[in-house]
Amino acid sequence: MNVVLAKSAGFCWGVRRAVDRARRLAREPGRRVFTDGPLIHNRQMMDQLRAEGVAETDDPASLPGGVLVVRAHGIPPDRRARLGTLPLTLDDCTCPDVAKIQKLIRTQARRGSHILIFGDPGHAEVTGLMGYAEGRGFVVNRPEDVAKLPELSPVCLVSQSTQLPDSYRRIADAVRERFPDALVLETICQSTRNRQEELVAMAARVDGFVVVGGMHSANTVRLVELARSLKPTFHIETCEQLPRRELREFKAVGLTAGASTPAFIIEEVKKALEDM
């Protein structure tokens, strides 16, 4: 089988920065390193980090000390303030692209704008972004959500960094129709755009796609959604999940992966496909 591997597959720079930082901290003698929730949405990578001395915690207040790494998705400012009162050293690994969106939201909220955030309700990044809206934020996931909003003015729209650009355009159109003077900011990160654009370009060269990444990874789920609109697509976390019978009908398969998928898993999947 011919395997076409996307150049953009795997860690984006923000995730790589967070993982490398946590690993460096764990190698320092005497350091106890924890992450405030999962550092990234990939079970296999989190297992590897645990083996290297980076432990995940959902209850930082119970820790006697050590370094607490703020995950790439970011956190709300009130949580940051609470964590700052604990006997822990905070190490902020918020993705710089997400941090830029946080600052934009805070600036617009303090100018009096109501903030609309296009994203997945309950996702860690969206929860963090809402905190910067200072009580003036609303999460919208579909154009229908825009119609249900109260009368607002002025309005500023931003997107979760990993959403599909086409989906954001539809939301923006709905927002402009409802709130003609709305300020629409482009906040989908370049890494996400590159990954999705490469997927579209690959479609002409392959019979189908395999997308590797966590089932709960927002950027991976968006990638799968886009891939399925183009060609038959299979979403897996590891090579053991490859649907071998279905894939044997493909002469060429496109292989890509979400921004939180480590290189060793991508390489394992690539080898398994080539061995078919």
Protein backbone atom coordinates (compact mmCIF):
# COMPACT_ATOMS: atom_id res chain seq x y z
CA MET A 1 0.00 0.00 0.00
CA ASN A 2 1.22 3.48 -0.86
CA VAL A 3 1.10 5.69 2.24
CA VAL A 4 1.07 9.47 1.76
CA LEU A 5 2.12 11.01 5.06
CA ALA A 6 1.08 14.61 5.74
CA LYS A 7 4.02 16.85 6.56
CA SER A 8 1.87 18.58 9.17
CA ALA A 9 0.92 15.36 10.99
CA GLY A 10 1.57 15.32 14.73
CA PHE A 11 2.57 17.85 17.33
CA CYS A 12 1.95 21.50 16.58
CA TRP A 13 4.54 23.90 17.99
CA GLY A 14 2.40 24.81 21.00
CA VAL A 15 1.94 21.20 22.06
CA ARG A 16 5.61 20.38 21.42
CA ARG A 17 6.61 23.37 23.55
CA ALA A 18 4.44 22.16 26.45
CA VAL A 19 5.58 18.53 26.28
CA ASP A 20 9.27 19.44 25.97
CA ARG A 21 8.99 21.85 28.91
CA ALA A 22 7.33 19.25 31.17
CA ARG A 23 9.97 16.68 30.27
CA ARG A 24 12.83 19.10 30.99
CA LEU A 25 11.36 19.95 34.38
CA ALA A 26 10.96 16.26 35.26
CA ARG A 27 14.64 15.60 34.49
CA GLU A 28 15.79 18.14 37.07
CA PRO A 29 16.96 16.39 40.27
CA GLY A 30 14.51 16.60 43.14
CA ARG A 31 11.69 18.04 41.03
CA ARG A 32 8.16 16.76 41.44
CA VAL A 33 6.23 17.72 38.32
CA PHE A 34 2.44 17.70 37.93
CA THR A 35 0.10 18.89 35.19
CA ASP A 36 -3.16 20.70 35.92
CA GLY A 37 -5.36 18.13 34.23
CA PRO A 38 -4.14 16.37 31.07
CA LEU A 39 -1.34 18.36 29.45
CA ILE A 40 -2.66 17.34 26.02
CA HIS A 41 -5.57 15.19 24.83
CA ASN A 42 -3.66 12.02 24.01
CA ARG A 43 -3.77 9.04 26.37
CA GLN A 44 -0.65 7.38 24.99
CA MET A 45 1.44 10.52 25.38
CA MET A 46 0.15 11.08 28.90
CA ASP A 47 1.12 7.49 29.77
CA GLN A 48 4.63 8.15 28.47
CA LEU A 49 4.89 11.38 30.46
CA ARG A 50 3.86 9.55 33.65
CA ALA A 51 6.66 7.07 33.03
CA GLU A 52 9.05 10.03 32.78
CA GLY A 53 7.90 11.52 36.07
CA VAL A 54 5.17 13.92 34.98
CA ALA A 55 1.99 13.18 36.92
CA GLU A 56 -1.48 14.50 36.08
CA THR A 57 -3.60 15.89 38.92
CA ASP A 58 -7.22 17.02 39.14
CA ASP A 59 -6.74 18.32 42.69
CA PRO A 60 -3.72 20.63 42.92
CA ALA A 61 -4.79 21.76 46.40
CA SER A 62 -3.95 18.29 47.72
CA LEU A 63 -0.32 18.48 46.57
CA PRO A 64 2.34 19.18 49.21
CA GLY A 65 4.57 21.03 46.75
CA GLY A 66 6.38 20.75 43.43
CA VAL A 67 5.89 22.26 39.99
CA LEU A 68 2.43 22.53 38.49
CA VAL A 69 2.41 22.86 34.69
CA VAL A 70 -0.48 24.82 33.17
CA ARG A 71 -1.57 22.88 30.11
CA ALA A 72 -1.43 24.02 26.50
CA HIS A 73 -5.18 24.74 26.43
CA GLY A 74 -4.82 27.48 29.03
CA ILE A 75 -6.96 28.16 32.11
CA PRO A 76 -9.32 30.95 33.25
CA PRO A 77 -7.69 33.81 35.19
CA ASP A 78 -9.65 33.04 38.37
CA ARG A 79 -8.23 29.51 38.40
CA ARG A 80 -4.74 30.89 37.84
CA ALA A 81 -5.25 33.15 40.85
CA ARG A 82 -6.38 30.22 43.03
CA LEU A 83 -3.44 28.09 41.94
CA GLY A 84 -1.14 30.98 42.82
CA THR A 85 -2.14 30.70 46.48
CA LEU A 86 -0.98 27.07 46.71
CA PRO A 87 2.50 25.94 47.83
CA LEU A 88 3.38 25.13 44.22
CA THR A 89 5.53 26.68 41.51
CA LEU A 90 3.37 27.45 38.47
CA ASP A 91 4.93 26.87 35.06
CA ASP A 92 2.69 28.27 32.33
CA CYS A 93 2.67 26.16 29.15
CA THR A 94 -0.39 27.78 27.61
CA CYS A 95 0.00 27.70 23.82
CA PRO A 96 1.09 31.20 22.73
CA ASP A 97 -1.61 31.18 20.05
CA VAL A 98 -4.25 30.54 22.72
CA ALA A 99 -2.70 33.21 24.95
CA LYS A 100 -3.14 35.73 22.11
CA ILE A 101 -6.86 34.92 21.93
CA GLN A 102 -7.14 35.32 25.71
CA LYS A 103 -5.61 38.81 25.49
CA LEU A 104 -7.87 39.81 22.59
CA ILE A 105 -10.94 38.73 24.53
CA ARG A 106 -9.90 40.59 27.68
CA THR A 107 -9.16 43.75 25.70
CA GLN A 108 -12.52 43.72 23.91
CA ALA A 109 -14.47 42.81 27.06
CA ARG A 110 -12.91 45.75 28.92
CA ARG A 111 -13.95 48.01 26.05
CA GLY A 112 -17.52 46.95 26.74
CA SER A 113 -18.01 44.29 24.08
CA HIS A 114 -19.98 41.11 24.54
CA ILE A 115 -17.75 38.20 23.50
CA LEU A 116 -19.06 35.37 21.34
CA ILE A 117 -16.76 32.34 21.31
CA PHE A 118 -17.21 29.80 18.52
CA GLY A 119 -16.13 26.52 20.05
CA ASP A 120 -16.98 23.25 21.74
CA PRO A 121 -18.84 23.87 25.03
CA GLY A 122 -16.91 22.39 27.94
CA HIS A 123 -13.62 22.08 26.04
CA ALA A 124 -10.64 23.14 28.15
CA GLU A 125 -9.56 25.91 25.77
CA VAL A 126 -13.09 27.34 25.55
CA THR A 127 -13.48 27.24 29.35
CA GLY A 128 -10.25 29.20 29.65
CA LEU A 129 -11.28 31.74 27.01
CA MET A 130 -14.64 32.32 28.71
CA GLY A 131 -12.81 33.35 31.86
CA TYR A 132 -11.21 36.26 30.01
CA ALA A 133 -14.62 37.55 28.88
CA GLU A 134 -15.18 38.73 32.48
CA GLY A 135 -18.83 37.70 32.59
CA ARG A 136 -19.64 39.04 29.11
CA GLY A 137 -19.07 35.80 27.16
CA PHE A 138 -21.32 33.41 25.25
CA VAL A 139 -20.30 30.11 23.58
CA VAL A 140 -21.85 29.42 20.17
CA ASN A 141 -21.40 26.15 18.34
CA ARG A 142 -23.95 26.40 15.50
CA PRO A 143 -25.61 29.22 13.56
CA GLU A 144 -28.84 28.36 15.41
CA ASP A 145 -27.12 29.29 18.68
CA VAL A 146 -26.63 32.82 17.38
CA ALA A 147 -30.37 33.23 16.83
CA LYS A 148 -31.02 32.34 20.49
CA LEU A 149 -28.73 35.03 21.89
CA PRO A 150 -30.24 38.06 23.68
CA GLU A 151 -29.95 41.52 22.18
CA LEU A 152 -26.29 42.52 22.53
CA SER A 153 -24.21 45.53 21.60
CA PRO A 154 -21.37 45.85 20.85
CA VAL A 155 -20.37 42.30 19.86
CA CYS A 156 -17.00 40.66 19.21
CA LEU A 157 -16.67 37.16 17.74
CA VAL A 158 -13.63 34.90 18.16
CA SER A 159 -13.02 31.21 17.47
CA GLN A 160 -11.48 28.40 19.42
CA SER A 161 -8.05 27.99 17.84
CA THR A 162 -8.68 24.54 16.34
CA GLN A 163 -12.03 24.96 14.58
CA LEU A 164 -12.68 24.50 10.84
CA PRO A 165 -12.36 27.80 8.92
CA ASP A 166 -15.46 27.03 6.82
CA SER A 167 -17.50 26.44 9.97
CA TYR A 168 -16.23 29.68 11.44
CA ARG A 169 -17.25 31.55 8.28
CA ARG A 170 -20.81 30.22 8.61
CA ILE A 171 -20.94 31.32 12.25
CA ALA A 172 -19.50 34.73 11.31
CA ASP A 173 -22.17 35.16 8.61
CA ALA A 174 -24.90 34.37 11.15
CA VAL A 175 -23.38 36.80 13.66
CA ARG A 176 -23.10 39.62 11.09
CA GLU A 177 -26.71 39.06 10.04
CA ARG A 178 -27.92 39.25 13.64
CA PHE A 179 -25.43 41.92 14.78
CA PRO A 180 -24.39 43.95 11.70
CA ASP A 181 -21.73 45.95 13.54
CA ALA A 182 -20.05 42.89 15.09
CA LEU A 183 -16.26 42.76 15.17
CA VAL A 184 -15.09 39.38 13.82
CA LEU A 185 -11.51 38.41 14.70
CA GLU A 186 -9.53 35.67 12.91
CA THR A 187 -8.24 33.46 15.72
CA ILE A 188 -7.93 29.98 14.18
CA CYS A 189 -4.23 29.18 14.54
CA GLN A 190 -1.99 28.83 11.50
CA SER A 191 -1.00 25.29 12.45
CA THR A 192 -4.65 24.23 12.28
CA ARG A 193 -5.10 25.96 8.92
CA ASN A 194 -1.97 24.33 7.49
CA ARG A 195 -3.03 20.87 8.65
CA GLN A 196 -6.49 21.22 7.12
CA GLU A 197 -5.28 22.76 3.85
CA GLU A 198 -2.76 19.95 3.40
CA LEU A 199 -5.51 17.38 3.95
CA VAL A 200 -7.61 18.91 1.15
CA ALA A 201 -4.60 18.92 -1.19
CA MET A 202 -3.87 15.24 -0.41
CA ALA A 203 -7.40 14.10 -1.29
CA ALA A 204 -6.69 13.99 -5.04
CA ARG A 205 -3.79 11.57 -4.50
CA VAL A 206 -5.40 8.98 -2.18
CA ASP A 207 -8.36 6.60 -1.96
CA GLY A 208 -9.04 7.35 1.70
CA PHE A 209 -7.63 8.70 4.93
CA VAL A 210 -6.42 7.43 8.27
CA VAL A 211 -6.45 10.12 10.95
CA VAL A 212 -4.55 9.34 14.15
CA GLY A 213 -5.37 11.08 17.40
CA GLY A 214 -7.33 11.06 20.63
CA MET A 215 -11.08 10.51 20.39
CA HIS A 216 -11.57 13.54 22.64
CA SER A 217 -9.01 15.77 20.91
CA ALA A 218 -10.90 18.73 19.44
CA ASN A 219 -8.44 19.43 16.63
CA THR A 220 -8.34 15.72 15.67
CA VAL A 221 -12.14 15.50 15.59
CA ARG A 222 -12.23 18.57 13.29
CA LEU A 223 -9.63 16.93 11.05
CA VAL A 224 -11.70 13.74 10.85
CA GLU A 225 -14.80 15.79 10.03
CA LEU A 226 -13.00 17.48 7.15
CA ALA A 227 -11.43 14.24 5.88
CA ARG A 228 -14.82 12.48 5.81
CA SER A 229 -16.20 15.24 3.63
CA LEU A 230 -13.50 14.36 1.07
CA LYS A 231 -12.85 10.60 1.13
CA PRO A 232 -13.60 7.47 3.22
CA THR A 233 -11.88 8.08 6.56
CA PHE A 234 -10.93 6.06 9.62
CA HIS A 235 -10.19 7.69 12.98
CA ILE A 236 -7.88 5.65 15.22
CA GLU A 237 -5.70 6.19 18.28
CA THR A 238 -3.19 3.36 17.71
CA CYS A 239 -2.19 0.95 14.94
CA GLU A 240 -4.09 -1.89 16.70
CA GLN A 241 -7.32 -0.11 15.73
CA LEU A 242 -6.62 -0.10 11.98
CA PRO A 243 -9.56 -1.61 10.02
CA ARG A 244 -7.33 -3.84 7.94
CA ARG A 245 -10.06 -5.49 5.87
CA GLU A 246 -11.48 -2.17 4.65
CA LEU A 247 -8.06 -0.64 4.08
CA ARG A 248 -6.88 -3.48 1.85
CA GLU A 249 -9.17 -2.11 -0.87
CA PHE A 250 -7.12 1.11 -0.98
CA LYS A 251 -4.15 1.47 -3.29
CA ALA A 252 -3.11 4.75 -1.66
CA VAL A 253 -4.02 6.05 1.77
CA GLY A 254 -3.45 9.49 3.23
CA LEU A 255 -2.08 9.47 6.78
CA THR A 256 -2.38 12.48 9.03
CA ALA A 257 -2.66 13.10 12.76
CA GLY A 258 -3.93 15.62 15.26
CA ALA A 259 -1.79 18.23 16.96
CA SER A 260 -1.47 16.18 20.14
CA THR A 261 -0.42 12.89 18.48
CA PRO A 262 3.21 11.92 19.20
CA ALA A 263 5.57 10.94 16.40
CA PHE A 264 6.12 7.40 17.68
CA ILE A 265 2.43 6.53 17.24
CA ILE A 266 2.32 8.03 13.74
CA GLU A 267 5.39 6.00 12.76
CA GLU A 268 3.84 2.78 14.11
CA VAL A 269 0.67 3.37 12.09
CA LYS A 270 2.66 4.22 8.97
CA LYS A 271 4.66 1.00 9.21
CA ALA A 272 1.53 -1.09 9.80
CA LEU A 273 -0.10 0.42 6.70
CA GLU A 274 2.99 -0.14 4.56
CA ASP A 275 3.13 -3.78 5.70
CA MET A 276 -0.39 -4.50 4.47
